[in-house]
Amino acid sequence: MRNPLPPLGWLRTFEAAARHLSFTGAARDLNMTQSAVSQQIKSLEGYLGQPLFHRRPRALELTEAGITYLPVVREAFRTLVRGTQAVTGQQENTVQVQCNITFSVNWLAPRLPSFRALHPDVHLNIFTELWEPREMAEGAAVEIRYSLRPADTVRTELLRSDHYYPVCAPDYPVTLETLQQQPLYDCSNLLSNWASWAED
């Protein structure tokens, strides 16, 4: 009878590869070769019977199965950490950070080596989402998100400003007079209707 759980090492490798969206980044984190990371991911995918990543020319992309599986794996590891700390009585100086995956890859990840050099005793747990989370994850001390206005209930600090503007195809038949009758698609849900654009 097959073990109902895949090897823990495969799951650890999957989490690292999903966090970096890169086998190379996962290999660097885990002190493994890229080929070893790739082989473990293939083994896990074979065990699950479906792919977890789309292999793109320049990067990885999670499949639907990968998107579903990733938070389950991360929560399992968090449970193991909490249980181990409860048994040993040890508490790490750990800060949990939550942000969307695009910000994590393009802004946060390149700055992590500098942070570790300045704060070698601080361990960061970074939880990423494809889109902006509706609420902070349990245990998260810091959340980085796109927002038009800071919330009054938490301490906030501006990291950088960005520019939003609506776009359409060059030949799309729209005028200023008919603009508000046009559909508006906003993946970030920050400015999801034309009235929001009028206010800002």
Foldseek 3Di string as FASTA:
>chain_A
DDDPDDDLVLLLLLLQCVLQQDLVRSCVVVVHDSVVSVVSQVVVCVVVVHHQWDDDPVGIDGDPVVLVCNVVSVVVVVVVVVVVCVVVVDDAQEAEEEEASVCCNPPVVVCVVVVCVVPVRYHYHYHHHNAGDPDDDPPHPYYDYDAPDDDPVDDDDDPDDDDDDDDDDPPDPDDPVCVQVDQDDDRRPHQRHVVSVVVD
